[in-house]
């Protein structure tokens, strides 16, 4: 899966509509192979992004957990630390 798509469930504050749409856009780009569709495919591409956005919002809103919500800044720092370790010379 595309590494730019990040988990969206169980964060405080909850995932915004923009974050969900961005994830949907990345997914449709990956699946279609287009970063920007041609004019002939633009309508189909946008319909797919919208459908995936709706499905993702439904999923994220429906999931339940007993775990405490994650802090975005803490999770981002963990990701940066993993990246530094992975790409250290």
Protein backbone atom coordinates (compact mmCIF):
# COMPACT_ATOMS: atom_id res chain seq x y z
CA UNK A 1 0.00 0.00 0.00
CA UNK A 2 1.06 3.55 -0.50
CA UNK A 3 3.25 4.66 2.38
CA UNK A 4 1.68 8.14 2.28
CA UNK A 5 -1.60 6.77 3.56
CA UNK A 6 -1.55 6.99 7.33
CA UNK A 7 -3.82 5.42 9.95
CA UNK A 8 -6.75 7.73 10.67
CA UNK A 9 -8.52 5.86 13.48
CA UNK A 10 -8.27 6.67 17.19
CA UNK A 11 -6.61 10.08 17.11
CA UNK A 12 -7.39 13.15 19.13
CA UNK A 13 -8.62 15.28 17.50
CA UNK A 14 -10.36 12.85 15.11
CA UNK A 15 -9.36 12.71 11.45
CA UNK A 16 -10.59 15.72 9.52
CA UNK A 17 -12.51 15.53 6.26
CA UNK A 18 -9.42 16.90 4.48
CA UNK A 19 -7.22 14.13 5.91
CA UNK A 20 -9.72 11.49 4.84
CA UNK A 21 -10.05 12.97 1.35
CA UNK A 22 -6.24 13.14 1.02
CA UNK A 23 -5.98 9.46 1.94
CA UNK A 24 -8.73 8.62 -0.58
CA UNK A 25 -6.93 10.60 -3.28
CA UNK A 26 -3.66 8.76 -2.58
CA UNK A 27 -5.47 5.43 -2.74
CA UNK A 28 -7.17 6.23 -6.07
CA UNK A 29 -3.87 7.51 -7.49
CA UNK A 30 -2.14 4.29 -6.48
CA UNK A 31 -4.85 2.00 -7.81
CA UNK A 32 -5.36 3.89 -11.08
CA UNK A 33 -1.71 4.57 -11.76
CA UNK A 34 -2.48 8.25 -12.42
CA UNK A 35 -1.19 11.11 -10.33
CA UNK A 36 -3.37 13.39 -12.42
CA UNK A 37 -5.94 11.82 -14.74
CA UNK A 38 -6.47 12.86 -18.33
CA UNK A 39 -9.55 14.91 -19.17
CA UNK A 40 -11.17 11.73 -20.48
CA UNK A 41 -10.74 10.04 -17.08
CA UNK A 42 -11.19 13.03 -14.79
CA UNK A 43 -14.87 12.43 -14.00
CA UNK A 44 -14.32 8.74 -13.21
CA UNK A 45 -11.27 9.61 -11.10
CA UNK A 46 -13.16 12.24 -9.05
CA UNK A 47 -16.14 9.89 -8.58
CA UNK A 48 -13.77 7.25 -7.26
CA UNK A 49 -12.11 9.71 -4.87
CA UNK A 50 -15.52 10.78 -3.58
CA UNK A 51 -16.69 7.17 -3.13
CA UNK A 52 -13.52 6.19 -1.27
CA UNK A 53 -13.79 9.33 0.88
CA UNK A 54 -17.35 8.42 1.90
CA UNK A 55 -16.41 4.78 2.57
CA UNK A 56 -13.38 5.84 4.63
CA UNK A 57 -15.38 8.32 6.72
CA UNK A 58 -18.02 5.63 7.34
CA UNK A 59 -15.33 3.17 8.40
CA UNK A 60 -13.44 5.57 10.67
CA UNK A 61 -16.66 6.76 12.32
CA UNK A 62 -17.85 3.17 12.87
CA UNK A 63 -14.70 1.74 14.45
CA UNK A 64 -14.62 1.35 18.22
CA UNK A 65 -11.72 0.78 20.58
CA UNK A 66 -11.04 0.68 24.29
CA UNK A 67 -7.60 2.22 23.79
CA UNK A 68 -6.92 5.82 24.63
CA UNK A 69 -6.76 8.14 21.60
CA UNK A 70 -3.28 8.64 20.17
CA UNK A 71 -1.60 12.02 20.16
CA UNK A 72 -0.73 13.17 16.63
CA UNK A 73 2.50 14.90 17.67
CA UNK A 74 3.78 11.89 19.61
CA UNK A 75 2.99 9.56 16.70
CA UNK A 76 4.66 11.96 14.22
CA UNK A 77 7.81 12.07 16.36
CA UNK A 78 7.89 8.26 16.51
CA UNK A 79 7.66 8.16 12.70
CA UNK A 80 10.49 10.72 12.37
CA UNK A 81 12.65 8.66 14.75
CA UNK A 82 12.00 5.50 12.72
CA UNK A 83 12.88 7.39 9.55
CA UNK A 84 16.14 8.74 11.03
CA UNK A 85 17.09 5.22 12.11
CA UNK A 86 16.17 3.72 8.74
CA UNK A 87 18.09 6.28 6.70
CA UNK A 88 21.06 6.86 9.01
CA UNK A 89 24.37 6.72 7.20
